[in-house]
Amino acid sequence: MRPNLPLMKATLTGALGGLLFGFDTVVISGAIDALVRLYNLSPQNKGLTVAIGLIGTVIGALGAGQVGQKLGSRETLRITAVLYVASAVGCGLAWDWPSFMVFRFIGGLGIGASSVLGPVYIAELAPAKWRGRLVAAFQFNVVFGIMVAYTRTTSSAPCTWAQPSGAGRWASPPSPPSSF
C-alpha cells in the first residue's frame, strides 16, 4: 500500500505539532534578554521565565495520554492547537510578567500534549509498512522547528522588538519607501 493524499495530509497535520514543539521550546532563547529588560527580571526570575514553559510541557505530556484516550487523538490535538494559539496571542499581549508566565505555561501544556499525541495520531492512521517513516516526520519537524527558531533568533539581519512582551515575535525594521 502506498501513502495516499488523506494519509499524507493527516501526517503533515500531526507533524505540525512537532514543528511547533521545537520552535516554541527554543524561541525563548532569542527573547529572554528583551524580557529581562522589559520586566526587570532577577536571575532567578529569568530562569523561571525559561523553565515555566518546560514545566507546562512535562505536565501536558503526563496528562495528554488520558485526555487522548477519552476524546481521541484528533480531538485532543485540536485542543492543543487552541492552547498554542492562546499562548502565542497571550504572550504577545501580556500586560505584565505574571500574565506572560501564565501564557507561557499554557503554551507548555500544548507542547507537552502534542509531543505525545502527534506521533500517536500519525501511528493510528498509518499502515504498518509506513508507520515508522511517517511517525519520523514528527521527529524531523521537532528538529526543524528548533533550527528555525535558532536561525530566526540569531539572524544577522537587524531586528527590533515588535511587541512589548511578545516572546520571539520579531519584526524587521521598516524599509525605506519604494520608488514604484
C-alpha atoms as a PDB file:
ATOM      1  CA  MET A   1       0.000   0.000   0.000  1.00  0.00           C
ATOM      2  CA  ARG A   2       1.313   3.417  -0.967  1.00  0.00           C
ATOM      3  CA  PRO A   3       0.592   6.529   1.100  1.00  0.00           C
ATOM      4  CA  ASN A   4      -2.459   8.351  -0.242  1.00  0.00           C
ATOM      5  CA  LEU A   5      -3.326  12.039  -0.103  1.00  0.00           C
ATOM      6  CA  PRO A   6      -5.561  11.866   3.026  1.00  0.00           C
ATOM      7  CA  LEU A   7      -2.857   9.899   4.877  1.00  0.00           C
ATOM      8  CA  MET A   8      -0.178  12.417   3.901  1.00  0.00           C
ATOM      9  CA  LYS A   9      -2.399  15.330   4.971  1.00  0.00           C
ATOM     10  CA  ALA A  10      -3.027  13.663   8.337  1.00  0.00           C
ATOM     11  CA  THR A  11       0.695  13.017   8.732  1.00  0.00           C
ATOM     12  CA  LEU A  12       1.537  16.647   7.997  1.00  0.00           C
ATOM     13  CA  THR A  13      -1.150  17.793  10.413  1.00  0.00           C
ATOM     14  CA  GLY A  14       0.209  15.560  13.172  1.00  0.00           C
ATOM     15  CA  ALA A  15       3.791  16.512  12.346  1.00  0.00           C
ATOM     16  CA  LEU A  16       2.940  20.213  12.589  1.00  0.00           C
ATOM     17  CA  GLY A  17       2.823  19.650  16.345  1.00  0.00           C
ATOM     18  CA  GLY A  18       6.480  18.623  16.133  1.00  0.00           C
ATOM     19  CA  LEU A  19       7.396  21.841  14.357  1.00  0.00           C
ATOM     20  CA  LEU A  20       5.592  23.894  16.992  1.00  0.00           C
ATOM     21  CA  PHE A  21       7.152  21.783  19.744  1.00  0.00           C
ATOM     22  CA  GLY A  22      10.677  22.521  18.524  1.00  0.00           C
ATOM     23  CA  PHE A  23      10.025  26.174  17.761  1.00  0.00           C
ATOM     24  CA  ASP A  24       8.167  27.058  20.964  1.00  0.00           C
ATOM     25  CA  THR A  25      10.679  25.270  23.152  1.00  0.00           C
ATOM     26  CA  VAL A  26      13.632  27.214  21.748  1.00  0.00           C
ATOM     27  CA  VAL A  27      12.249  30.605  20.744  1.00  0.00           C
ATOM     28  CA  ILE A  28      12.574  31.955  24.285  1.00  0.00           C
ATOM     29  CA  SER A  29      16.351  31.977  23.814  1.00  0.00           C
ATOM     30  CA  GLY A  30      16.045  34.867  21.391  1.00  0.00           C
ATOM     31  CA  ALA A  31      13.583  36.808  23.503  1.00  0.00           C
ATOM     32  CA  ILE A  32      14.917  36.387  27.019  1.00  0.00           C
ATOM     33  CA  ASP A  33      17.242  39.409  27.005  1.00  0.00           C
ATOM     34  CA  ALA A  34      14.418  41.706  25.930  1.00  0.00           C
ATOM     35  CA  LEU A  35      12.138  40.165  28.556  1.00  0.00           C
ATOM     36  CA  VAL A  36      14.763  40.713  31.263  1.00  0.00           C
ATOM     37  CA  ARG A  37      14.939  44.400  30.302  1.00  0.00           C
ATOM     38  CA  LEU A  38      11.168  44.771  29.893  1.00  0.00           C
ATOM     39  CA  TYR A  39      10.218  43.188  33.218  1.00  0.00           C
ATOM     40  CA  ASN A  40      13.451  43.971  35.103  1.00  0.00           C
ATOM     41  CA  LEU A  41      13.891  40.274  35.919  1.00  0.00           C
ATOM     42  CA  SER A  42      16.302  38.959  38.510  1.00  0.00           C
ATOM     43  CA  PRO A  43      18.469  35.971  37.529  1.00  0.00           C
ATOM     44  CA  GLN A  44      16.034  33.686  39.376  1.00  0.00           C
ATOM     45  CA  ASN A  45      13.018  35.111  37.565  1.00  0.00           C
ATOM     46  CA  LYS A  46      14.865  34.902  34.267  1.00  0.00           C
ATOM     47  CA  GLY A  47      15.409  31.193  34.905  1.00  0.00           C
ATOM     48  CA  LEU A  48      11.781  30.740  35.926  1.00  0.00           C
ATOM     49  CA  THR A  49      10.643  32.518  32.749  1.00  0.00           C
ATOM     50  CA  VAL A  50      12.527  29.977  30.668  1.00  0.00           C
ATOM     51  CA  ALA A  51      11.589  27.000  32.862  1.00  0.00           C
ATOM     52  CA  ILE A  52       7.838  27.646  33.117  1.00  0.00           C
ATOM     53  CA  GLY A  53       7.314  26.531  29.531  1.00  0.00           C
ATOM     54  CA  LEU A  54       9.139  23.285  30.239  1.00  0.00           C
ATOM     55  CA  ILE A  55       7.159  22.750  33.430  1.00  0.00           C
ATOM     56  CA  GLY A  56       3.987  23.080  31.369  1.00  0.00           C
ATOM     57  CA  THR A  57       5.465  20.677  28.808  1.00  0.00           C
ATOM     58  CA  VAL A  58       6.010  17.970  31.421  1.00  0.00           C
ATOM     59  CA  ILE A  59       2.500  18.379  32.832  1.00  0.00           C
ATOM     60  CA  GLY A  60       0.984  18.450  29.341  1.00  0.00           C
ATOM     61  CA  ALA A  61       2.839  15.285  28.360  1.00  0.00           C
ATOM     62  CA  LEU A  62       1.773  13.481  31.524  1.00  0.00           C
ATOM     63  CA  GLY A  63      -1.907  14.376  31.093  1.00  0.00           C
ATOM     64  CA  ALA A  64      -2.239  14.077  27.318  1.00  0.00           C
ATOM     65  CA  GLY A  65      -2.486  10.307  27.244  1.00  0.00           C
ATOM     66  CA  GLN A  66      -5.527  10.186  29.483  1.00  0.00           C
ATOM     67  CA  VAL A  67      -7.285  13.005  27.663  1.00  0.00           C
ATOM     68  CA  GLY A  68      -6.380  11.408  24.328  1.00  0.00           C
ATOM     69  CA  GLN A  69      -7.904   8.114  25.435  1.00  0.00           C
ATOM     70  CA  LYS A  70     -11.178   9.814  26.374  1.00  0.00           C
ATOM     71  CA  LEU A  71     -11.525  12.241  23.474  1.00  0.00           C
ATOM     72  CA  GLY A  72      -9.375  10.642  20.788  1.00  0.00           C
ATOM     73  CA  SER A  73      -6.092  11.870  19.349  1.00  0.00           C
ATOM     74  CA  ARG A  74      -7.638  14.088  16.694  1.00  0.00           C
ATOM     75  CA  GLU A  75      -9.906  15.989  19.071  1.00  0.00           C
ATOM     76  CA  THR A  76      -7.163  16.350  21.670  1.00  0.00           C
ATOM     77  CA  LEU A  77      -4.780  17.701  19.016  1.00  0.00           C
ATOM     78  CA  ARG A  78      -7.414  20.316  18.226  1.00  0.00           C
ATOM     79  CA  ILE A  79      -7.383  21.320  21.873  1.00  0.00           C
ATOM     80  CA  THR A  80      -3.583  21.588  21.797  1.00  0.00           C
ATOM     81  CA  ALA A  81      -3.905  23.878  18.774  1.00  0.00           C
ATOM     82  CA  VAL A  82      -6.137  26.154  20.856  1.00  0.00           C
ATOM     83  CA  LEU A  83      -3.502  26.109  23.620  1.00  0.00           C
ATOM     84  CA  TYR A  84      -0.808  27.103  21.113  1.00  0.00           C
ATOM     85  CA  VAL A  85      -2.884  29.985  19.770  1.00  0.00           C
ATOM     86  CA  ALA A  86      -3.864  31.168  23.257  1.00  0.00           C
ATOM     87  CA  SER A  87      -0.222  31.108  24.289  1.00  0.00           C
ATOM     88  CA  ALA A  88       1.005  32.992  21.233  1.00  0.00           C
ATOM     89  CA  VAL A  89      -1.644  35.691  21.485  1.00  0.00           C
ATOM     90  CA  GLY A  90      -1.366  35.886  25.266  1.00  0.00           C
ATOM     91  CA  CYS A  91       2.425  36.174  25.267  1.00  0.00           C
ATOM     92  CA  GLY A  92       2.232  38.817  22.578  1.00  0.00           C
ATOM     93  CA  LEU A  93      -0.300  40.860  24.525  1.00  0.00           C
ATOM     94  CA  ALA A  94       0.899  40.127  28.069  1.00  0.00           C
ATOM     95  CA  TRP A  95       0.421  43.165  30.289  1.00  0.00           C
ATOM     96  CA  ASP A  96       2.925  42.134  32.965  1.00  0.00           C
ATOM     97  CA  TRP A  97       5.363  39.379  33.881  1.00  0.00           C
ATOM     98  CA  PRO A  98       2.845  37.132  35.741  1.00  0.00           C
ATOM     99  CA  SER A  99       0.465  37.190  32.773  1.00  0.00           C
ATOM    100  CA  PHE A 100       3.355  36.369  30.440  1.00  0.00           C
ATOM    101  CA  MET A 101       4.222  33.408  32.683  1.00  0.00           C
ATOM    102  CA  VAL A 102       0.637  32.109  32.623  1.00  0.00           C
ATOM    103  CA  PHE A 103       0.525  32.187  28.832  1.00  0.00           C
ATOM    104  CA  ARG A 104       3.958  30.605  28.575  1.00  0.00           C
ATOM    105  CA  PHE A 105       2.779  27.794  30.862  1.00  0.00           C
ATOM    106  CA  ILE A 106      -0.314  27.314  28.668  1.00  0.00           C
ATOM    107  CA  GLY A 107       1.993  27.013  25.658  1.00  0.00           C
ATOM    108  CA  GLY A 108       3.993  24.402  27.531  1.00  0.00           C
ATOM    109  CA  LEU A 109       0.839  22.369  28.095  1.00  0.00           C
ATOM    110  CA  GLY A 110       0.231  22.404  24.336  1.00  0.00           C
ATOM    111  CA  ILE A 111       3.831  21.441  23.605  1.00  0.00           C
ATOM    112  CA  GLY A 112       3.709  18.512  26.002  1.00  0.00           C
ATOM    113  CA  ALA A 113       0.373  17.263  24.749  1.00  0.00           C
ATOM    114  CA  SER A 114       1.399  17.478  21.099  1.00  0.00           C
ATOM    115  CA  SER A 115       4.670  15.676  21.828  1.00  0.00           C
ATOM    116  CA  VAL A 116       2.655  12.672  22.984  1.00  0.00           C
ATOM    117  CA  LEU A 117      -0.358  12.837  20.704  1.00  0.00           C
ATOM    118  CA  GLY A 118       1.217  13.887  17.403  1.00  0.00           C
ATOM    119  CA  PRO A 119       3.134  10.639  16.915  1.00  0.00           C
ATOM    120  CA  VAL A 120       0.178   8.623  18.271  1.00  0.00           C
ATOM    121  CA  TYR A 121      -2.205  10.247  15.798  1.00  0.00           C
ATOM    122  CA  ILE A 122       0.129   9.516  12.891  1.00  0.00           C
ATOM    123  CA  ALA A 123       0.710   5.928  14.052  1.00  0.00           C
ATOM    124  CA  GLU A 124      -3.030   5.283  14.415  1.00  0.00           C
ATOM    125  CA  LEU A 125      -3.639   6.205  10.791  1.00  0.00           C
ATOM    126  CA  ALA A 126      -0.509   4.823   9.125  1.00  0.00           C
ATOM    127  CA  PRO A 127      -0.389   1.313   7.673  1.00  0.00           C
ATOM    128  CA  ALA A 128       2.180  -0.892   9.401  1.00  0.00           C
ATOM    129  CA  LYS A 129       4.549  -0.790   6.426  1.00  0.00           C
ATOM    130  CA  TRP A 130       4.727   3.034   6.501  1.00  0.00           C
ATOM    131  CA  ARG A 131       4.254   3.703  10.219  1.00  0.00           C
ATOM    132  CA  GLY A 132       7.891   4.270  11.173  1.00  0.00           C
ATOM    133  CA  ARG A 133       8.592   6.536   8.227  1.00  0.00           C
ATOM    134  CA  LEU A 134       5.504   8.638   8.779  1.00  0.00           C
ATOM    135  CA  VAL A 135       5.999   8.982  12.543  1.00  0.00           C
ATOM    136  CA  ALA A 136       9.574  10.068  11.789  1.00  0.00           C
ATOM    137  CA  ALA A 137       8.055  13.159  10.127  1.00  0.00           C
ATOM    138  CA  PHE A 138       7.063  14.328  13.615  1.00  0.00           C
ATOM    139  CA  GLN A 139      10.607  13.875  14.917  1.00  0.00           C
ATOM    140  CA  PHE A 140      12.062  15.609  11.876  1.00  0.00           C
ATOM    141  CA  ASN A 141       9.763  18.561  12.462  1.00  0.00           C
ATOM    142  CA  VAL A 142      10.848  18.866  16.102  1.00  0.00           C
ATOM    143  CA  VAL A 143      14.432  19.322  14.938  1.00  0.00           C
ATOM    144  CA  PHE A 144      13.351  21.555  12.060  1.00  0.00           C
ATOM    145  CA  GLY A 145      11.382  23.778  14.483  1.00  0.00           C
ATOM    146  CA  ILE A 146      14.462  24.092  16.702  1.00  0.00           C
ATOM    147  CA  MET A 147      16.555  25.047  13.679  1.00  0.00           C
ATOM    148  CA  VAL A 148      14.003  27.632  12.523  1.00  0.00           C
ATOM    149  CA  ALA A 149      13.843  29.206  15.997  1.00  0.00           C
ATOM    150  CA  TYR A 150      17.616  29.409  16.368  1.00  0.00           C
ATOM    151  CA  THR A 151      18.045  30.665  12.823  1.00  0.00           C
ATOM    152  CA  ARG A 152      15.452  33.362  13.337  1.00  0.00           C
ATOM    153  CA  THR A 153      16.636  34.475  16.774  1.00  0.00           C
ATOM    154  CA  THR A 154      20.309  34.547  15.777  1.00  0.00           C
ATOM    155  CA  SER A 155      19.752  36.095  12.370  1.00  0.00           C
ATOM    156  CA  SER A 156      22.344  38.640  11.373  1.00  0.00           C
ATOM    157  CA  ALA A 157      19.608  40.865   9.946  1.00  0.00           C
ATOM    158  CA  PRO A 158      18.794  43.764  12.242  1.00  0.00           C
ATOM    159  CA  CYS A 159      15.606  43.122  14.191  1.00  0.00           C
ATOM    160  CA  THR A 160      13.551  45.148  16.605  1.00  0.00           C
ATOM    161  CA  TRP A 161      11.225  44.047  19.328  1.00  0.00           C
ATOM    162  CA  ALA A 162       7.766  44.200  17.754  1.00  0.00           C
ATOM    163  CA  GLN A 163       5.549  43.737  20.787  1.00  0.00           C
ATOM    164  CA  PRO A 164       6.381  44.944  24.277  1.00  0.00           C
ATOM    165  CA  SER A 165       6.232  41.397  25.587  1.00  0.00           C
ATOM    166  CA  GLY A 166       5.720  39.094  22.605  1.00  0.00           C
ATOM    167  CA  ALA A 167       8.206  36.284  23.155  1.00  0.00           C
ATOM    168  CA  GLY A 168      10.027  35.671  19.949  1.00  0.00           C
ATOM    169  CA  ARG A 169       7.897  37.932  17.824  1.00  0.00           C
ATOM    170  CA  TRP A 170      10.456  39.904  15.865  1.00  0.00           C
ATOM    171  CA  ALA A 171       9.927  42.357  13.084  1.00  0.00           C
ATOM    172  CA  SER A 172      12.361  43.683  10.558  1.00  0.00           C
ATOM    173  CA  PRO A 173      12.877  47.424  10.787  1.00  0.00           C
ATOM    174  CA  PRO A 174      10.796  49.484   8.411  1.00  0.00           C
ATOM    175  CA  SER A 175      12.168  49.586   4.907  1.00  0.00           C
ATOM    176  CA  PRO A 176      12.565  52.825   3.013  1.00  0.00           C
ATOM    177  CA  PRO A 177       9.644  53.775   0.780  1.00  0.00           C
ATOM    178  CA  SER A 178       9.766  52.128  -2.583  1.00  0.00           C
ATOM    179  CA  SER A 179      10.012  54.186  -5.722  1.00  0.00           C
ATOM    180  CA  PHE A 180       7.138  52.447  -7.534  1.00  0.00           C
END
